[in-house]
Amino acid sequence: MDRVGLWINHSKPEAITLAGQITHWFAERGWDVYTDWEKITAQGVGFLISLGGDGTLLEASREAAPYAIPVLGVNLGRLGFLCEIERNEIFDALEKITNHDYSIQERLMLTATVNDADQTFDVLNDVVFLREPASAMVTLQANLTGEPSVSYPADGLIVSTPTGSTAYALSAGGPIMSPNVEAILLTPLAAHSLSARPMVISDQENIEISLVRGEECIVSFDGYHRTAIKYGEKVVIKRAPINALLIRLGKRSFPRVVREKLKDRWHE
């Protein structure tokens, strides 16, 4: 399939310039390049190239997952935990991909349902519960498989995938999880109890998060949508029936990525 899609972070001039160079590169080889999402999904593409940072790749992968389109992440941002290559590696990478010299890594996603299917969201990183800045501490009750399991009196709670373990959850003191781990991570934010610790649970669990103390709590889904739940309301989170698909070229193992991105904390 000689068709490729581009997912461009238009706030980055470098991404727009690089998109033009990539389009020219493919045109010389007889490929069709699409940047409009409706055309990408209607025409069908072999893969999608994300030009930006981890946030751009997160968005592209989440949107591409229902169509089973694999995504190559090009890092034009700062940290780049998820992106496979840097800007100067792009054309070598494209040669490899067009020669079918790559693999596809599946990443676990979550589906979050607010108040019994009122609203449903798919996420690749995390679902974040956060008290309003002006409000007092909230208490969030996590029920696993229908049973009360742990209570979090805190400023909030992060429910994340292994992919999301290197995002907000990492900043909150959660563990780093390999993307090959089939699990879900619960990480409290500024917990007001020494017993409220991060917890790793099976990806087969249905997780029900209820607001049992406090008037209101903001809930964010991968940062792309926000809503609010009030006292007594809940969000049910479980593994999504689809996975995100990331293109891997075999250059960056997970231990190497951790070592490179957290080098300020790494002792040689």
Protein backbone atom coordinates (compact mmCIF):
# COMPACT_ATOMS: atom_id res chain seq x y z
CA MET A 1 0.00 0.00 0.00
CA ASP A 2 1.86 3.06 -1.28
CA ARG A 3 -0.06 5.57 0.79
CA VAL A 4 1.04 7.31 3.98
CA GLY A 5 -0.57 9.80 6.36
CA LEU A 6 1.01 12.72 8.22
CA TRP A 7 -0.17 13.89 11.64
CA ILE A 8 1.35 17.34 12.08
CA ASN A 9 1.67 19.53 15.16
CA HIS A 10 0.94 22.83 13.42
CA SER A 11 2.14 24.84 16.41
CA LYS A 12 5.70 23.76 15.55
CA PRO A 13 7.12 25.45 12.42
CA GLU A 14 9.73 22.68 12.21
CA ALA A 15 6.95 20.09 11.91
CA ILE A 16 5.38 21.96 8.99
CA THR A 17 8.73 22.28 7.21
CA LEU A 18 9.55 18.62 7.77
CA ALA A 19 6.10 17.59 6.49
CA GLY A 20 6.89 19.29 3.19
CA GLN A 21 10.24 17.50 2.95
CA ILE A 22 8.64 14.13 3.72
CA THR A 23 5.90 14.70 1.16
CA HIS A 24 8.54 15.46 -1.48
CA TRP A 25 10.54 12.35 -0.48
CA PHE A 26 7.50 10.09 -0.91
CA ALA A 27 6.37 11.81 -4.13
CA GLU A 28 9.72 10.97 -5.72
CA ARG A 29 9.02 7.32 -4.96
CA GLY A 30 5.45 7.33 -6.26
CA TRP A 31 3.68 7.35 -2.91
CA ASP A 32 0.52 9.30 -2.10
CA VAL A 33 0.70 11.43 1.05
CA TYR A 34 -2.40 12.55 2.97
CA THR A 35 -2.64 15.10 5.77
CA ASP A 36 -6.43 15.37 6.04
CA TRP A 37 -7.78 12.84 8.56
CA GLU A 38 -10.94 12.12 6.58
CA LYS A 39 -8.85 11.27 3.52
CA ILE A 40 -6.43 9.21 5.61
CA THR A 41 -9.24 7.03 6.94
CA ALA A 42 -11.18 6.94 3.65
CA GLN A 43 -8.23 6.10 1.39
CA GLY A 44 -6.46 3.81 3.83
CA VAL A 45 -2.75 4.25 4.56
CA GLY A 46 0.06 1.83 5.34
CA PHE A 47 1.16 3.89 8.30
CA LEU A 48 0.96 7.32 9.89
CA ILE A 49 3.88 9.63 10.71
CA SER A 50 3.49 11.83 13.79
CA LEU A 51 5.51 15.06 13.68
CA GLY A 52 5.77 16.76 17.08
CA GLY A 53 6.50 15.38 20.51
CA ASP A 54 5.05 12.74 22.80
CA GLY A 55 1.77 14.65 23.05
CA THR A 56 1.38 14.67 19.27
CA LEU A 57 2.17 10.96 19.06
CA LEU A 58 -0.29 10.25 21.86
CA GLU A 59 -3.05 12.01 19.95
CA ALA A 60 -2.16 10.39 16.62
CA SER A 61 -1.95 6.88 18.10
CA ARG A 62 -5.23 7.23 19.94
CA GLU A 63 -7.06 8.37 16.80
CA ALA A 64 -5.38 5.73 14.60
CA ALA A 65 -6.05 2.80 16.93
CA PRO A 66 -9.66 2.11 15.83
CA TYR A 67 -8.42 1.86 12.23
CA ALA A 68 -5.43 -0.38 13.11
CA ILE A 69 -3.02 2.14 11.57
CA PRO A 70 0.55 1.88 12.94
CA VAL A 71 2.24 5.16 13.84
CA LEU A 72 5.86 6.29 13.59
CA GLY A 73 6.67 9.00 16.13
CA VAL A 74 9.22 11.67 15.16
CA ASN A 75 10.37 13.66 18.18
CA LEU A 76 10.44 17.41 17.70
CA GLY A 77 9.75 18.05 21.37
CA ARG A 78 11.79 17.82 24.54
CA LEU A 79 11.57 14.50 26.37
CA GLY A 80 10.36 12.09 23.69
CA PHE A 81 9.70 8.96 25.77
CA LEU A 82 7.32 7.55 23.16
CA CYS A 83 8.70 8.79 19.85
CA GLU A 84 10.83 6.25 18.02
CA ILE A 85 13.22 8.60 16.20
CA GLU A 86 14.66 12.10 16.28
CA ARG A 87 14.31 14.61 13.48
CA ASN A 88 17.72 13.86 11.90
CA GLU A 89 16.89 10.16 11.61
CA ILE A 90 13.68 10.51 9.62
CA PHE A 91 14.81 9.64 6.09
CA ASP A 92 16.90 6.65 7.15
CA ALA A 93 13.84 5.47 9.06
CA LEU A 94 11.58 5.90 6.03
CA GLU A 95 13.95 3.81 3.92
CA LYS A 96 13.68 1.03 6.49
CA ILE A 97 9.91 1.20 6.68
CA THR A 98 9.39 1.22 2.91
CA ASN A 99 11.67 -1.84 2.81
CA HIS A 100 9.50 -3.49 5.51
CA ASP A 101 12.38 -3.50 7.98
CA TYR A 102 10.43 -2.71 11.14
CA SER A 103 8.15 -4.20 13.78
CA ILE A 104 4.87 -3.09 15.32
CA GLN A 105 4.46 -2.81 19.07
CA GLU A 106 0.98 -2.97 20.57
CA ARG A 107 0.24 -0.63 23.47
CA LEU A 108 -2.55 -1.25 25.97
CA MET A 109 -5.33 1.36 26.03
CA LEU A 110 -8.11 2.08 28.53
CA THR A 111 -11.79 2.89 28.13
CA ALA A 112 -13.32 5.18 30.73
CA THR A 113 -17.09 5.48 31.17
CA VAL A 114 -18.49 8.41 33.15
CA ASN A 115 -21.69 7.85 35.13
CA ASP A 116 -22.97 4.66 33.50
CA ALA A 117 -22.24 5.37 29.84
CA ASP A 118 -23.14 9.05 29.91
CA GLN A 119 -19.72 9.69 28.34
CA THR A 120 -17.03 7.24 27.19
CA PHE A 121 -13.39 8.00 26.32
CA ASP A 122 -10.45 5.90 25.09
CA VAL A 123 -7.03 6.79 26.47
CA LEU A 124 -3.47 5.66 25.83
CA ASN A 125 -1.81 7.44 28.75
CA ASP A 126 -4.07 8.03 31.71
CA VAL A 127 -7.27 9.09 33.39
CA VAL A 128 -6.49 11.80 35.96
CA PHE A 129 -8.75 12.77 38.86
CA LEU A 130 -7.85 16.15 40.35
CA ARG A 131 -9.43 18.37 42.96
CA GLU A 132 -10.23 21.95 42.05
CA PRO A 133 -7.34 24.28 43.06
CA ALA A 134 -9.59 26.22 45.42
CA SER A 135 -11.18 23.14 47.03
CA ALA A 136 -10.04 20.98 49.90
CA MET A 137 -8.70 17.45 49.68
CA VAL A 138 -10.95 14.85 48.06
CA THR A 139 -11.31 11.15 48.79
CA LEU A 140 -11.54 8.76 45.85
CA GLN A 141 -12.68 5.20 46.42
CA ALA A 142 -11.28 2.55 44.06
CA ASN A 143 -13.42 -0.57 43.75
CA LEU A 144 -11.88 -3.55 41.97
CA THR A 145 -14.11 -6.29 40.54
CA GLY A 146 -17.08 -4.69 42.29
CA GLU A 147 -15.54 -4.72 45.77
CA PRO A 148 -14.24 -1.74 47.79
CA SER A 149 -10.46 -2.07 47.67
CA VAL A 150 -8.59 1.12 48.50
CA SER A 151 -9.45 4.67 49.53
CA TYR A 152 -7.32 7.63 48.45
CA PRO A 153 -7.62 10.82 50.55
CA ALA A 154 -5.47 13.00 48.31
CA ASP A 155 -5.30 15.87 45.87
CA GLY A 156 -6.17 13.40 43.13
CA LEU A 157 -5.50 10.04 41.53
CA ILE A 158 -3.92 8.87 38.26
CA VAL A 159 -5.08 5.66 36.58
CA SER A 160 -2.54 4.92 33.87
CA THR A 161 -1.41 2.37 31.33
CA PRO A 162 2.21 1.18 31.15
CA THR A 163 2.65 3.87 28.45
CA GLY A 164 1.32 6.48 30.86
CA SER A 165 3.63 5.33 33.65
CA THR A 166 6.36 7.58 32.18
CA ALA A 167 4.05 10.61 32.03
CA TYR A 168 2.19 12.34 34.88
CA ALA A 169 2.33 9.20 37.04
CA LEU A 170 6.14 9.30 36.98
CA SER A 171 6.13 12.91 38.19
CA ALA A 172 3.78 11.87 41.00
CA GLY A 173 6.21 9.21 42.23
CA GLY A 174 4.76 6.18 40.50
CA PRO A 175 6.91 3.32 39.18
CA ILE A 176 8.10 3.05 35.58
CA MET A 177 6.42 0.11 33.86
CA SER A 178 7.70 -1.62 30.75
CA PRO A 179 5.27 -1.23 27.83
CA ASN A 180 5.21 -5.03 27.57
CA VAL A 181 3.58 -5.34 31.00
CA GLU A 182 -0.16 -6.09 30.86
CA ALA A 183 -1.24 -4.05 33.87
CA ILE A 184 -2.85 -0.83 35.10
CA LEU A 185 -1.29 1.58 37.56
CA LEU A 186 -3.04 3.61 40.29
CA THR A 187 -0.96 6.52 41.62
CA PRO A 188 -2.28 8.99 44.23
CA LEU A 189 -1.44 12.69 44.00
CA ALA A 190 -0.19 14.20 47.28
CA ALA A 191 -1.85 11.50 49.39
CA HIS A 192 -2.92 12.50 52.90
CA SER A 193 -2.39 8.98 54.23
CA LEU A 194 0.78 6.92 54.46
CA SER A 195 -1.22 3.83 53.50
CA ALA A 196 -2.35 5.35 50.19
CA ARG A 197 0.39 3.97 47.96
CA PRO A 198 0.71 3.39 44.19
CA MET A 199 -0.76 0.05 43.17
CA VAL A 200 -0.25 -2.12 40.09
CA ILE A 201 -3.26 -4.26 39.18
CA SER A 202 -4.27 -6.69 36.44
CA ASP A 203 -5.39 -5.31 33.09
CA GLN A 204 -8.44 -7.57 33.43
CA GLU A 205 -9.84 -5.58 36.34
CA ASN A 206 -12.87 -3.33 36.05
CA ILE A 207 -11.92 -0.29 38.12
CA GLU A 208 -14.67 1.88 39.57
CA ILE A 209 -13.47 5.24 40.91
CA SER A 210 -16.04 7.11 43.02
CA LEU A 211 -15.88 10.52 44.66
CA VAL A 212 -16.79 9.74 48.28
CA ARG A 213 -15.57 12.97 49.88
CA GLY A 214 -15.61 16.45 48.39
CA GLU A 215 -18.16 18.30 46.27
CA GLU A 216 -16.52 17.95 42.86
CA CYS A 217 -13.52 16.47 41.10
CA ILE A 218 -12.12 17.24 37.65
CA VAL A 219 -11.42 14.21 35.45
CA SER A 220 -9.02 14.46 32.49
CA PHE A 221 -8.69 11.86 29.72
CA ASP A 222 -5.22 11.88 28.13
CA GLY A 223 -5.37 15.64 28.56
CA TYR A 224 -7.61 15.97 25.47
CA HIS A 225 -10.93 16.14 27.32
CA ARG A 226 -12.00 17.25 30.77
CA THR A 227 -15.22 16.76 32.67
CA ALA A 228 -16.32 16.89 36.29
CA ILE A 229 -17.86 14.36 38.63
CA LYS A 230 -19.73 15.32 41.77
CA TYR A 231 -20.03 13.63 45.14
CA GLY A 232 -21.29 10.07 44.73
CA GLU A 233 -20.61 9.91 40.99
CA LYS A 234 -18.19 7.47 39.41
CA VAL A 235 -15.95 6.62 36.46
CA VAL A 236 -15.54 2.99 35.39
CA ILE A 237 -12.19 2.18 33.75
CA LYS A 238 -11.22 -1.04 31.99
CA ARG A 239 -8.95 -2.27 29.25
CA ALA A 240 -10.04 -1.05 25.83
CA PRO A 241 -10.88 -3.62 23.13
CA ILE A 242 -8.29 -1.97 20.83
CA ASN A 243 -4.56 -1.34 21.13
CA ALA A 244 -2.44 1.53 19.87
CA LEU A 245 0.11 0.41 17.27
CA LEU A 246 3.60 1.96 17.31
CA ILE A 247 6.27 1.37 14.68
CA ARG A 248 9.58 0.21 16.12
CA LEU A 249 12.86 0.09 14.21
CA GLY A 250 14.84 -1.90 16.76
CA LYS A 251 17.16 0.97 17.72
CA ARG A 252 15.69 2.02 21.06
CA SER A 253 15.01 -0.67 23.64
CA PHE A 254 12.93 0.35 26.64
CA PRO A 255 15.90 0.21 29.08
CA ARG A 256 17.88 2.42 26.71
CA VAL A 257 15.03 4.94 26.47
CA VAL A 258 14.78 5.11 30.26
CA ARG A 259 18.55 5.54 30.55
CA GLU A 260 18.64 8.32 27.93
CA LYS A 261 15.61 10.26 29.10
CA LEU A 262 16.40 10.05 32.82
CA LYS A 263 20.15 10.49 32.47
CA ASP A 264 20.16 13.24 35.11
CA ARG A 265 19.22 10.51 37.62
CA TRP A 266 21.38 7.73 36.18
CA HIS A 267 24.69 6.78 37.74
CA GLU A 268 27.20 5.34 35.29
